[in-house]
Amino acid sequence: MDYLPKDPAILVSSINMLLRDEEFETLESLCYNFGTEPKDIKSYLYGYGFVFSDKQKQFRPIGYDKKETNEQREQSCLH
């Protein structure tokens, strides 16, 4: 990949793929390679409903962690 896509959905997919496939260790190293700043990517994608999860090393929809918490609560109520 020679450049990062501008379309937000394709950008999220591309970044997540590159991090998942271990082409890059961190978002910072990925951004450095493509000549951009992590804060700029995070800010841009936040405007389209995505946040970066350091724990999962990927962009996720805003609120994904709250959804997981609700699902965990529901599971604990069933047991």
PDB file of N, CA and C in Angstrom:
ATOM      1  N   MET A   1       0.855  -1.169   0.000  1.00  0.00           N
ATOM      2  CA  MET A   1       0.000   0.000   0.000  1.00  0.00           C
ATOM      3  C   MET A   1       0.903   1.236   0.000  1.00  0.00           C
ATOM      4  N   ASP A   2       0.687   2.107  -0.960  1.00  0.00           N
ATOM      5  CA  ASP A   2       1.529   3.292  -1.107  1.00  0.00           C
ATOM      6  C   ASP A   2       1.016   4.499  -0.337  1.00  0.00           C
ATOM      7  N   TYR A   3      -0.272   4.510  -0.009  1.00  0.00           N
ATOM      8  CA  TYR A   3      -0.864   5.642   0.699  1.00  0.00           C
ATOM      9  C   TYR A   3      -2.071   5.156   1.489  1.00  0.00           C
ATOM     10  N   LEU A   4      -2.471   5.947   2.464  1.00  0.00           N
ATOM     11  CA  LEU A   4      -3.679   5.613   3.221  1.00  0.00           C
ATOM     12  C   LEU A   4      -4.897   6.159   2.487  1.00  0.00           C
ATOM     13  N   PRO A   5      -5.947   5.370   2.385  1.00  0.00           N
ATOM     14  CA  PRO A   5      -7.164   5.828   1.703  1.00  0.00           C
ATOM     15  C   PRO A   5      -7.807   6.999   2.449  1.00  0.00           C
ATOM     16  N   LYS A   6      -8.580   7.792   1.753  1.00  0.00           N
ATOM     17  CA  LYS A   6      -9.284   8.930   2.349  1.00  0.00           C
ATOM     18  C   LYS A   6     -10.679   8.547   2.837  1.00  0.00           C
ATOM     19  N   ASP A   7     -11.313   7.582   2.173  1.00  0.00           N
ATOM     20  CA  ASP A   7     -12.645   7.149   2.573  1.00  0.00           C
ATOM     21  C   ASP A   7     -12.569   6.540   3.979  1.00  0.00           C
ATOM     22  N   PRO A   8     -13.383   7.030   4.933  1.00  0.00           N
ATOM     23  CA  PRO A   8     -13.268   6.579   6.326  1.00  0.00           C
ATOM     24  C   PRO A   8     -13.444   5.070   6.511  1.00  0.00           C
ATOM     25  N   ALA A   9     -14.407   4.459   5.842  1.00  0.00           N
ATOM     26  CA  ALA A   9     -14.632   3.017   6.006  1.00  0.00           C
ATOM     27  C   ALA A   9     -13.448   2.212   5.479  1.00  0.00           C
ATOM     28  N   ILE A  10     -12.914   2.623   4.351  1.00  0.00           N
ATOM     29  CA  ILE A  10     -11.767   1.920   3.768  1.00  0.00           C
ATOM     30  C   ILE A  10     -10.506   2.190   4.597  1.00  0.00           C
ATOM     31  N   LEU A  11     -10.396   3.401   5.132  1.00  0.00           N
ATOM     32  CA  LEU A  11      -9.256   3.748   5.982  1.00  0.00           C
ATOM     33  C   LEU A  11      -9.247   2.886   7.244  1.00  0.00           C
ATOM     34  N   VAL A  12     -10.386   2.769   7.920  1.00  0.00           N
ATOM     35  CA  VAL A  12     -10.481   1.934   9.125  1.00  0.00           C
ATOM     36  C   VAL A  12     -10.105   0.494   8.782  1.00  0.00           C
ATOM     37  N   SER A  13     -10.668  -0.020   7.729  1.00  0.00           N
ATOM     38  CA  SER A  13     -10.393  -1.389   7.316  1.00  0.00           C
ATOM     39  C   SER A  13      -8.911  -1.591   7.014  1.00  0.00           C
ATOM     40  N   SER A  14      -8.320  -0.660   6.306  1.00  0.00           N
ATOM     41  CA  SER A  14      -6.906  -0.762   5.928  1.00  0.00           C
ATOM     42  C   SER A  14      -5.991  -0.717   7.147  1.00  0.00           C
ATOM     43  N   ILE A  15      -6.243   0.235   8.042  1.00  0.00           N
ATOM     44  CA  ILE A  15      -5.409   0.357   9.246  1.00  0.00           C
ATOM     45  C   ILE A  15      -5.545  -0.893  10.104  1.00  0.00           C
ATOM     46  N   ASN A  16      -6.780  -1.338  10.324  1.00  0.00           N
ATOM     47  CA  ASN A  16      -6.987  -2.526  11.149  1.00  0.00           C
ATOM     48  C   ASN A  16      -6.310  -3.756  10.534  1.00  0.00           C
ATOM     49  N   MET A  17      -6.368  -3.877   9.213  1.00  0.00           N
ATOM     50  CA  MET A  17      -5.724  -4.998   8.533  1.00  0.00           C
ATOM     51  C   MET A  17      -4.204  -4.937   8.709  1.00  0.00           C
ATOM     52  N   LEU A  18      -3.626  -3.768   8.496  1.00  0.00           N
ATOM     53  CA  LEU A  18      -2.174  -3.628   8.600  1.00  0.00           C
ATOM     54  C   LEU A  18      -1.688  -3.917  10.015  1.00  0.00           C
ATOM     55  N   LEU A  19      -2.452  -3.507  11.015  1.00  0.00           N
ATOM     56  CA  LEU A  19      -2.074  -3.790  12.404  1.00  0.00           C
ATOM     57  C   LEU A  19      -2.328  -5.263  12.750  1.00  0.00           C
ATOM     58  N   ARG A  20      -3.433  -5.805  12.305  1.00  0.00           N
ATOM     59  CA  ARG A  20      -3.773  -7.206  12.587  1.00  0.00           C
ATOM     60  C   ARG A  20      -2.748  -8.157  11.972  1.00  0.00           C
ATOM     61  N   ASP A  21      -2.376  -7.875  10.733  1.00  0.00           N
ATOM     62  CA  ASP A  21      -1.426  -8.741  10.023  1.00  0.00           C
ATOM     63  C   ASP A  21       0.020  -8.456  10.411  1.00  0.00           C
ATOM     64  N   GLU A  22       0.190  -7.578  11.395  1.00  0.00           N
ATOM     65  CA  GLU A  22       1.493  -7.240  11.966  1.00  0.00           C
ATOM     66  C   GLU A  22       2.468  -6.644  10.955  1.00  0.00           C
ATOM     67  N   GLU A  23       1.906  -5.932   9.972  1.00  0.00           N
ATOM     68  CA  GLU A  23       2.759  -5.166   9.072  1.00  0.00           C
ATOM     69  C   GLU A  23       3.438  -4.041   9.861  1.00  0.00           C
ATOM     70  N   PHE A  24       2.722  -3.555  10.890  1.00  0.00           N
ATOM     71  CA  PHE A  24       3.223  -2.511  11.771  1.00  0.00           C
ATOM     72  C   PHE A  24       2.908  -2.902  13.206  1.00  0.00           C
ATOM     73  N   GLU A  25       3.811  -2.581  14.113  1.00  0.00           N
ATOM     74  CA  GLU A  25       3.622  -2.901  15.530  1.00  0.00           C
ATOM     75  C   GLU A  25       2.617  -1.983  16.208  1.00  0.00           C
ATOM     76  N   THR A  26       2.624  -0.712  15.821  1.00  0.00           N
ATOM     77  CA  THR A  26       1.787   0.279  16.490  1.00  0.00           C
ATOM     78  C   THR A  26       1.142   1.214  15.469  1.00  0.00           C
ATOM     79  N   LEU A  27       0.116   1.911  15.924  1.00  0.00           N
ATOM     80  CA  LEU A  27      -0.497   2.934  15.074  1.00  0.00           C
ATOM     81  C   LEU A  27       0.521   4.020  14.760  1.00  0.00           C
ATOM     82  N   GLU A  28       1.367   4.342  15.728  1.00  0.00           N
ATOM     83  CA  GLU A  28       2.382   5.379  15.532  1.00  0.00           C
ATOM     84  C   GLU A  28       3.353   5.005  14.406  1.00  0.00           C
ATOM     85  N   SER A  29       3.805   3.754  14.399  1.00  0.00           N
ATOM     86  CA  SER A  29       4.749   3.338  13.348  1.00  0.00           C
ATOM     87  C   SER A  29       4.066   3.311  11.980  1.00  0.00           C
ATOM     88  N   LEU A  30       2.805   2.915  11.954  1.00  0.00           N
ATOM     89  CA  LEU A  30       2.044   2.930  10.701  1.00  0.00           C
ATOM     90  C   LEU A  30       1.930   4.366  10.174  1.00  0.00           C
ATOM     91  N   CYS A  31       1.550   5.279  11.061  1.00  0.00           N
ATOM     92  CA  CYS A  31       1.403   6.684  10.651  1.00  0.00           C
ATOM     93  C   CYS A  31       2.728   7.275  10.188  1.00  0.00           C
ATOM     94  N   TYR A  32       3.803   6.970  10.893  1.00  0.00           N
ATOM     95  CA  TYR A  32       5.118   7.461  10.516  1.00  0.00           C
ATOM     96  C   TYR A  32       5.460   7.009   9.090  1.00  0.00           C
ATOM     97  N   ASN A  33       5.163   5.757   8.786  1.00  0.00           N
ATOM     98  CA  ASN A  33       5.448   5.212   7.457  1.00  0.00           C
ATOM     99  C   ASN A  33       4.689   5.957   6.358  1.00  0.00           C
ATOM    100  N   PHE A  34       3.464   6.392   6.667  1.00  0.00           N
ATOM    101  CA  PHE A  34       2.635   7.067   5.668  1.00  0.00           C
ATOM    102  C   PHE A  34       2.670   8.591   5.782  1.00  0.00           C
ATOM    103  N   GLY A  35       3.557   9.104   6.635  1.00  0.00           N
ATOM    104  CA  GLY A  35       3.755  10.547   6.716  1.00  0.00           C
ATOM    105  C   GLY A  35       2.599  11.318   7.333  1.00  0.00           C
ATOM    106  N   THR A  36       1.966  10.728   8.329  1.00  0.00           N
ATOM    107  CA  THR A  36       0.875  11.413   9.017  1.00  0.00           C
ATOM    108  C   THR A  36       1.024  11.223  10.520  1.00  0.00           C
ATOM    109  N   GLU A  37       0.222  11.923  11.276  1.00  0.00           N
ATOM    110  CA  GLU A  37       0.272  11.851  12.735  1.00  0.00           C
ATOM    111  C   GLU A  37      -0.887  11.009  13.264  1.00  0.00           C
ATOM    112  N   PRO A  38      -0.644  10.187  14.286  1.00  0.00           N
ATOM    113  CA  PRO A  38      -1.733   9.405  14.871  1.00  0.00           C
ATOM    114  C   PRO A  38      -2.905  10.267  15.338  1.00  0.00           C
ATOM    115  N   LYS A  39      -2.609  11.424  15.917  1.00  0.00           N
ATOM    116  CA  LYS A  39      -3.695  12.293  16.405  1.00  0.00           C
ATOM    117  C   LYS A  39      -4.574  12.777  15.257  1.00  0.00           C
ATOM    118  N   ASP A  40      -3.990  12.980  14.084  1.00  0.00           N
ATOM    119  CA  ASP A  40      -4.781  13.415  12.929  1.00  0.00           C
ATOM    120  C   ASP A  40      -5.705  12.302  12.438  1.00  0.00           C
ATOM    121  N   ILE A  41      -5.184  11.084  12.391  1.00  0.00           N
ATOM    122  CA  ILE A  41      -6.002   9.929  11.979  1.00  0.00           C
ATOM    123  C   ILE A  41      -7.114   9.696  13.002  1.00  0.00           C
ATOM    124  N   LYS A  42      -6.750   9.728  14.295  1.00  0.00           N
ATOM    125  CA  LYS A  42      -7.746   9.504  15.348  1.00  0.00           C
ATOM    126  C   LYS A  42      -8.844  10.558  15.292  1.00  0.00           C
ATOM    127  N   SER A  43      -8.463  11.797  15.106  1.00  0.00           N
ATOM    128  CA  SER A  43      -9.429  12.896  15.047  1.00  0.00           C
ATOM    129  C   SER A  43     -10.340  12.750  13.826  1.00  0.00           C
ATOM    130  N   TYR A  44      -9.760  12.456  12.684  1.00  0.00           N
ATOM    131  CA  TYR A  44     -10.522  12.293  11.447  1.00  0.00           C
ATOM    132  C   TYR A  44     -11.544  11.170  11.594  1.00  0.00           C
ATOM    133  N   LEU A  45     -11.099  10.014  12.091  1.00  0.00           N
ATOM    134  CA  LEU A  45     -11.993   8.871  12.198  1.00  0.00           C
ATOM    135  C   LEU A  45     -13.005   9.023  13.333  1.00  0.00           C
ATOM    136  N   TYR A  46     -12.661   9.786  14.355  1.00  0.00           N
ATOM    137  CA  TYR A  46     -13.622  10.061  15.421  1.00  0.00           C
ATOM    138  C   TYR A  46     -14.839  10.787  14.844  1.00  0.00           C
ATOM    139  N   GLY A  47     -14.581  11.671  13.902  1.00  0.00           N
ATOM    140  CA  GLY A  47     -15.663  12.396  13.239  1.00  0.00           C
ATOM    141  C   GLY A  47     -16.598  11.484  12.446  1.00  0.00           C
ATOM    142  N   TYR A  48     -16.145  10.280  12.164  1.00  0.00           N
ATOM    143  CA  TYR A  48     -16.959   9.304  11.438  1.00  0.00           C
ATOM    144  C   TYR A  48     -17.418   8.152  12.337  1.00  0.00           C
ATOM    145  N   GLY A  49     -17.224   8.328  13.647  1.00  0.00           N
ATOM    146  CA  GLY A  49     -17.758   7.353  14.592  1.00  0.00           C
ATOM    147  C   GLY A  49     -16.827   6.234  15.012  1.00  0.00           C
ATOM    148  N   PHE A  50     -15.518   6.452  14.914  1.00  0.00           N
ATOM    149  CA  PHE A  50     -14.558   5.420  15.299  1.00  0.00           C
ATOM    150  C   PHE A  50     -13.568   5.937  16.329  1.00  0.00           C
ATOM    151  N   VAL A  51     -13.191   5.070  17.258  1.00  0.00           N
ATOM    152  CA  VAL A  51     -12.142   5.372  18.231  1.00  0.00           C
ATOM    153  C   VAL A  51     -11.104   4.262  18.165  1.00  0.00           C
ATOM    154  N   PHE A  52      -9.878   4.588  18.574  1.00  0.00           N
ATOM    155  CA  PHE A  52      -8.809   3.590  18.547  1.00  0.00           C
ATOM    156  C   PHE A  52      -8.740   2.896  19.895  1.00  0.00           C
ATOM    157  N   SER A  53      -8.720   1.569  19.874  1.00  0.00           N
ATOM    158  CA  SER A  53      -8.554   0.762  21.080  1.00  0.00           C
ATOM    159  C   SER A  53      -7.097   0.332  21.170  1.00  0.00           C
ATOM    160  N   ASP A  54      -6.391   0.868  22.164  1.00  0.00           N
ATOM    161  CA  ASP A  54      -4.998   0.457  22.352  1.00  0.00           C
ATOM    162  C   ASP A  54      -4.920  -1.012  22.731  1.00  0.00           C
ATOM    163  N   LYS A  55      -5.893  -1.471  23.505  1.00  0.00           N
ATOM    164  CA  LYS A  55      -5.912  -2.863  23.952  1.00  0.00           C
ATOM    165  C   LYS A  55      -6.037  -3.820  22.766  1.00  0.00           C
ATOM    166  N   GLN A  56      -6.907  -3.499  21.826  1.00  0.00           N
ATOM    167  CA  GLN A  56      -7.136  -4.376  20.680  1.00  0.00           C
ATOM    168  C   GLN A  56      -6.318  -3.999  19.454  1.00  0.00           C
ATOM    169  N   LYS A  57      -5.633  -2.868  19.524  1.00  0.00           N
ATOM    170  CA  LYS A  57      -4.824  -2.369  18.407  1.00  0.00           C
ATOM    171  C   LYS A  57      -5.645  -2.262  17.122  1.00  0.00           C
ATOM    172  N   GLN A  58      -6.829  -1.611  17.248  1.00  0.00           N
ATOM    173  CA  GLN A  58      -7.660  -1.408  16.070  1.00  0.00           C
ATOM    174  C   GLN A  58      -8.672  -0.301  16.333  1.00  0.00           C
ATOM    175  N   PHE A  59      -9.193   0.244  15.242  1.00  0.00           N
ATOM    176  CA  PHE A  59     -10.282   1.207  15.350  1.00  0.00           C
ATOM    177  C   PHE A  59     -11.579   0.435  15.508  1.00  0.00           C
ATOM    178  N   ARG A  60     -12.414   0.946  16.396  1.00  0.00           N
ATOM    179  CA  ARG A  60     -13.710   0.331  16.690  1.00  0.00           C
ATOM    180  C   ARG A  60     -14.776   1.422  16.671  1.00  0.00           C
ATOM    181  N   PRO A  61     -16.045   1.058  16.496  1.00  0.00           N
ATOM    182  CA  PRO A  61     -17.114   2.059  16.558  1.00  0.00           C
ATOM    183  C   PRO A  61     -17.188   2.683  17.952  1.00  0.00           C
ATOM    184  N   ILE A  62     -17.486   3.957  18.000  1.00  0.00           N
ATOM    185  CA  ILE A  62     -17.643   4.634  19.291  1.00  0.00           C
ATOM    186  C   ILE A  62     -18.713   3.898  20.090  1.00  0.00           C
ATOM    187  N   GLY A  63     -18.407   3.624  21.348  1.00  0.00           N
ATOM    188  CA  GLY A  63     -19.341   2.940  22.227  1.00  0.00           C
ATOM    189  C   GLY A  63     -19.197   1.439  22.256  1.00  0.00           C
ATOM    190  N   TYR A  64     -18.240   0.890  21.496  1.00  0.00           N
ATOM    191  CA  TYR A  64     -18.089  -0.568  21.465  1.00  0.00           C
ATOM    192  C   TYR A  64     -17.841  -1.131  22.859  1.00  0.00           C
ATOM    193  N   ASP A  65     -17.101  -0.403  23.697  1.00  0.00           N
ATOM    194  CA  ASP A  65     -16.782  -0.896  25.035  1.00  0.00           C
ATOM    195  C   ASP A  65     -18.014  -0.902  25.941  1.00  0.00           C
ATOM    196  N   LYS A  66     -18.916   0.032  25.736  1.00  0.00           N
ATOM    197  CA  LYS A  66     -20.149   0.056  26.520  1.00  0.00           C
ATOM    198  C   LYS A  66     -21.046  -1.104  26.115  1.00  0.00           C
ATOM    199  N   LYS A  67     -21.070  -1.425  24.843  1.00  0.00           N
ATOM    200  CA  LYS A  67     -21.861  -2.553  24.362  1.00  0.00           C
ATOM    201  C   LYS A  67     -21.335  -3.844  24.977  1.00  0.00           C
ATOM    202  N   GLU A  68     -20.007  -4.001  25.000  1.00  0.00           N
ATOM    203  CA  GLU A  68     -19.430  -5.202  25.589  1.00  0.00           C
ATOM    204  C   GLU A  68     -19.788  -5.296  27.066  1.00  0.00           C
ATOM    205  N   THR A  69     -19.780  -4.172  27.758  1.00  0.00           N
ATOM    206  CA  THR A  69     -20.121  -4.153  29.172  1.00  0.00           C
ATOM    207  C   THR A  69     -21.563  -4.587  29.375  1.00  0.00           C
ATOM    208  N   ASN A  70     -22.478  -4.094  28.560  1.00  0.00           N
ATOM    209  CA  ASN A  70     -23.878  -4.493  28.659  1.00  0.00           C
ATOM    210  C   ASN A  70     -24.034  -5.987  28.376  1.00  0.00           C
ATOM    211  N   GLU A  71     -23.323  -6.493  27.392  1.00  0.00           N
ATOM    212  CA  GLU A  71     -23.388  -7.916  27.062  1.00  0.00           C
ATOM    213  C   GLU A  71     -22.843  -8.748  28.220  1.00  0.00           C
ATOM    214  N   GLN A  72     -21.772  -8.276  28.840  1.00  0.00           N
ATOM    215  CA  GLN A  72     -21.205  -8.998  29.969  1.00  0.00           C
ATOM    216  C   GLN A  72     -22.196  -9.027  31.131  1.00  0.00           C
ATOM    217  N   ARG A  73     -22.888  -7.909  31.356  1.00  0.00           N
ATOM    218  CA  ARG A  73     -23.895  -7.858  32.420  1.00  0.00           C
ATOM    219  C   ARG A  73     -25.017  -8.849  32.141  1.00  0.00           C
ATOM    220  N   GLU A  74     -25.465  -8.888  30.903  1.00  0.00           N
ATOM    221  CA  GLU A  74     -26.540  -9.818  30.543  1.00  0.00           C
ATOM    222  C   GLU A  74     -26.095 -11.264  30.763  1.00  0.00           C
ATOM    223  N   GLN A  75     -24.856 -11.571  30.397  1.00  0.00           N
ATOM    224  CA  GLN A  75     -24.343 -12.920  30.585  1.00  0.00           C
ATOM    225  C   GLN A  75     -24.275 -13.284  32.067  1.00  0.00           C
ATOM    226  N   SER A  76     -23.838 -12.341  32.894  1.00  0.00           N
ATOM    227  CA  SER A  76     -23.721 -12.635  34.318  1.00  0.00           C
ATOM    228  C   SER A  76     -25.101 -12.819  34.955  1.00  0.00           C
ATOM    229  N   CYS A  77     -26.122 -12.190  34.421  1.00  0.00           N
ATOM    230  CA  CYS A  77     -27.482 -12.362  34.940  1.00  0.00           C
ATOM    231  C   CYS A  77     -28.042 -13.740  34.600  1.00  0.00           C
ATOM    232  N   LEU A  78     -27.544 -14.321  33.522  1.00  0.00           N
ATOM    233  CA  LEU A  78     -28.040 -15.625  33.093  1.00  0.00           C
ATOM    234  C   LEU A  78     -27.433 -16.769  33.915  1.00  0.00           C
ATOM    235  N   HIS A  79     -26.307 -16.504  34.553  1.00  0.00           N
ATOM    236  CA  HIS A  79     -25.607 -17.570  35.304  1.00  0.00           C
ATOM    237  C   HIS A  79     -25.894 -17.519  36.765  1.00  0.00           C
TER     238      HIS A  79
END
